[in-house]
Amino acid sequence: MVRELPVSVHNELHNEILHDVPKPAERLLQTAYNDYLEEKEVLDTLGICQLIVWLCDEIPDEAFQACMMVQFRFLSTRLGGRN
């Protein structure tokens, strides 16, 4: 699920906005990964912000979701229509 991101945007995100994203429970990650494999062809076409929304829907961990939404808002603003 790697997406290209300008280095300056990535650095700004993780140096100034969000330092750490908590890791959800292993079982939640495994379920999300299995679902990703089932939908891989479609999911691989999503932009970074669309993928963040999918991850938030897929992984029911409040701390993780909160951090991902911070990233979503930041990247939506910084990338505009390129996400």
C-alpha atoms as a PDB file:
ATOM      1  CA  MET A   1       0.000   0.000   0.000  1.00  0.00           C
ATOM      2  CA  VAL A   2       2.843   2.364  -0.689  1.00  0.00           C
ATOM      3  CA  ARG A   3       2.018   5.658  -2.347  1.00  0.00           C
ATOM      4  CA  GLU A   4       4.497   8.180  -3.658  1.00  0.00           C
ATOM      5  CA  LEU A   5       4.523  11.468  -1.811  1.00  0.00           C
ATOM      6  CA  PRO A   6       6.793  14.469  -2.241  1.00  0.00           C
ATOM      7  CA  VAL A   7       9.569  14.265   0.352  1.00  0.00           C
ATOM      8  CA  SER A   8       8.839  17.793   1.569  1.00  0.00           C
ATOM      9  CA  VAL A   9       5.175  16.930   2.215  1.00  0.00           C
ATOM     10  CA  HIS A  10       6.095  13.680   3.973  1.00  0.00           C
ATOM     11  CA  ASN A  11       8.658  15.464   6.149  1.00  0.00           C
ATOM     12  CA  GLU A  12       6.243  18.239   7.044  1.00  0.00           C
ATOM     13  CA  LEU A  13       3.588  15.689   7.991  1.00  0.00           C
ATOM     14  CA  HIS A  14       5.820  13.636  10.257  1.00  0.00           C
ATOM     15  CA  ASN A  15       8.066  16.379  11.642  1.00  0.00           C
ATOM     16  CA  GLU A  16       5.447  19.042  12.315  1.00  0.00           C
ATOM     17  CA  ILE A  17       1.976  17.499  12.323  1.00  0.00           C
ATOM     18  CA  LEU A  18       2.000  13.836  13.320  1.00  0.00           C
ATOM     19  CA  HIS A  19       5.020  12.106  14.789  1.00  0.00           C
ATOM     20  CA  ASP A  20       3.665   8.613  15.404  1.00  0.00           C
ATOM     21  CA  VAL A  21       0.724   6.499  14.274  1.00  0.00           C
ATOM     22  CA  PRO A  22      -0.252   3.849  16.829  1.00  0.00           C
ATOM     23  CA  LYS A  23      -0.142   0.276  15.567  1.00  0.00           C
ATOM     24  CA  PRO A  24      -3.501  -1.510  15.771  1.00  0.00           C
ATOM     25  CA  ALA A  25      -3.801  -5.023  17.180  1.00  0.00           C
ATOM     26  CA  GLU A  26      -2.245  -7.710  15.018  1.00  0.00           C
ATOM     27  CA  ARG A  27      -5.616  -9.405  14.417  1.00  0.00           C
ATOM     28  CA  LEU A  28      -7.044  -6.158  13.017  1.00  0.00           C
ATOM     29  CA  LEU A  29      -4.051  -5.737  10.740  1.00  0.00           C
ATOM     30  CA  GLN A  30      -4.326  -9.337   9.533  1.00  0.00           C
ATOM     31  CA  THR A  31      -8.012  -8.918   8.726  1.00  0.00           C
ATOM     32  CA  ALA A  32      -7.308  -5.683   6.846  1.00  0.00           C
ATOM     33  CA  TYR A  33      -4.476  -7.338   4.928  1.00  0.00           C
ATOM     34  CA  ASN A  34      -6.675 -10.273   3.933  1.00  0.00           C
ATOM     35  CA  ASP A  35      -9.385  -7.861   2.771  1.00  0.00           C
ATOM     36  CA  TYR A  36      -6.761  -5.882   0.866  1.00  0.00           C
ATOM     37  CA  LEU A  37      -5.654  -9.025  -0.964  1.00  0.00           C
ATOM     38  CA  GLU A  38      -9.276  -9.732  -1.946  1.00  0.00           C
ATOM     39  CA  GLU A  39      -9.705  -6.172  -3.286  1.00  0.00           C
ATOM     40  CA  LYS A  40      -6.105  -5.567  -4.376  1.00  0.00           C
ATOM     41  CA  GLU A  41      -6.854  -4.783  -8.010  1.00  0.00           C
ATOM     42  CA  VAL A  42      -9.233  -1.952  -7.063  1.00  0.00           C
ATOM     43  CA  LEU A  43      -7.376  -0.727  -3.977  1.00  0.00           C
ATOM     44  CA  ASP A  44      -4.113  -0.393  -5.862  1.00  0.00           C
ATOM     45  CA  THR A  45      -5.752   2.248  -8.044  1.00  0.00           C
ATOM     46  CA  LEU A  46      -6.798   4.476  -5.129  1.00  0.00           C
ATOM     47  CA  GLY A  47      -5.039   7.704  -4.314  1.00  0.00           C
ATOM     48  CA  ILE A  48      -3.466   8.204  -0.922  1.00  0.00           C
ATOM     49  CA  CYS A  49      -6.449   9.991   0.631  1.00  0.00           C
ATOM     50  CA  GLN A  50      -8.900   7.399  -0.705  1.00  0.00           C
ATOM     51  CA  LEU A  51      -6.689   4.682   0.741  1.00  0.00           C
ATOM     52  CA  ILE A  52      -6.618   6.406   4.128  1.00  0.00           C
ATOM     53  CA  VAL A  53     -10.430   6.404   4.167  1.00  0.00           C
ATOM     54  CA  TRP A  54     -10.437   2.697   3.292  1.00  0.00           C
ATOM     55  CA  LEU A  55      -7.982   1.967   6.109  1.00  0.00           C
ATOM     56  CA  CYS A  56     -10.114   3.913   8.593  1.00  0.00           C
ATOM     57  CA  ASP A  57     -13.185   1.933   7.566  1.00  0.00           C
ATOM     58  CA  GLU A  58     -11.280  -1.327   7.599  1.00  0.00           C
ATOM     59  CA  ILE A  59      -9.407  -1.024  10.908  1.00  0.00           C
ATOM     60  CA  PRO A  60     -11.700  -0.285  13.876  1.00  0.00           C
ATOM     61  CA  ASP A  61      -9.058   1.142  16.205  1.00  0.00           C
ATOM     62  CA  GLU A  62      -9.956   4.621  17.462  1.00  0.00           C
ATOM     63  CA  ALA A  63      -6.397   5.851  18.088  1.00  0.00           C
ATOM     64  CA  PHE A  64      -5.253   4.643  14.655  1.00  0.00           C
ATOM     65  CA  GLN A  65      -8.310   6.151  12.955  1.00  0.00           C
ATOM     66  CA  ALA A  66      -7.787   9.512  14.667  1.00  0.00           C
ATOM     67  CA  CYS A  67      -4.186   9.702  13.441  1.00  0.00           C
ATOM     68  CA  MET A  68      -5.131   8.583   9.966  1.00  0.00           C
ATOM     69  CA  MET A  69      -7.770  11.332   9.786  1.00  0.00           C
ATOM     70  CA  VAL A  70      -5.126  13.898  10.757  1.00  0.00           C
ATOM     71  CA  GLN A  71      -3.111  12.615   7.811  1.00  0.00           C
ATOM     72  CA  PHE A  72      -6.177  12.703   5.572  1.00  0.00           C
ATOM     73  CA  ARG A  73      -6.928  16.351   6.371  1.00  0.00           C
ATOM     74  CA  PHE A  74      -3.290  17.382   6.002  1.00  0.00           C
ATOM     75  CA  LEU A  75      -2.763  15.544   2.709  1.00  0.00           C
ATOM     76  CA  SER A  76      -6.090  16.690   1.277  1.00  0.00           C
ATOM     77  CA  THR A  77      -5.039  20.265   1.883  1.00  0.00           C
ATOM     78  CA  ARG A  78      -1.406  19.923   0.772  1.00  0.00           C
ATOM     79  CA  LEU A  79      -2.008  17.769  -2.283  1.00  0.00           C
ATOM     80  CA  GLY A  80      -5.253  19.299  -3.460  1.00  0.00           C
ATOM     81  CA  GLY A  81      -6.654  17.282  -6.345  1.00  0.00           C
ATOM     82  CA  ARG A  82      -3.603  15.029  -6.670  1.00  0.00           C
ATOM     83  CA  ASN A  83      -4.687  12.551  -4.006  1.00  0.00           C
END
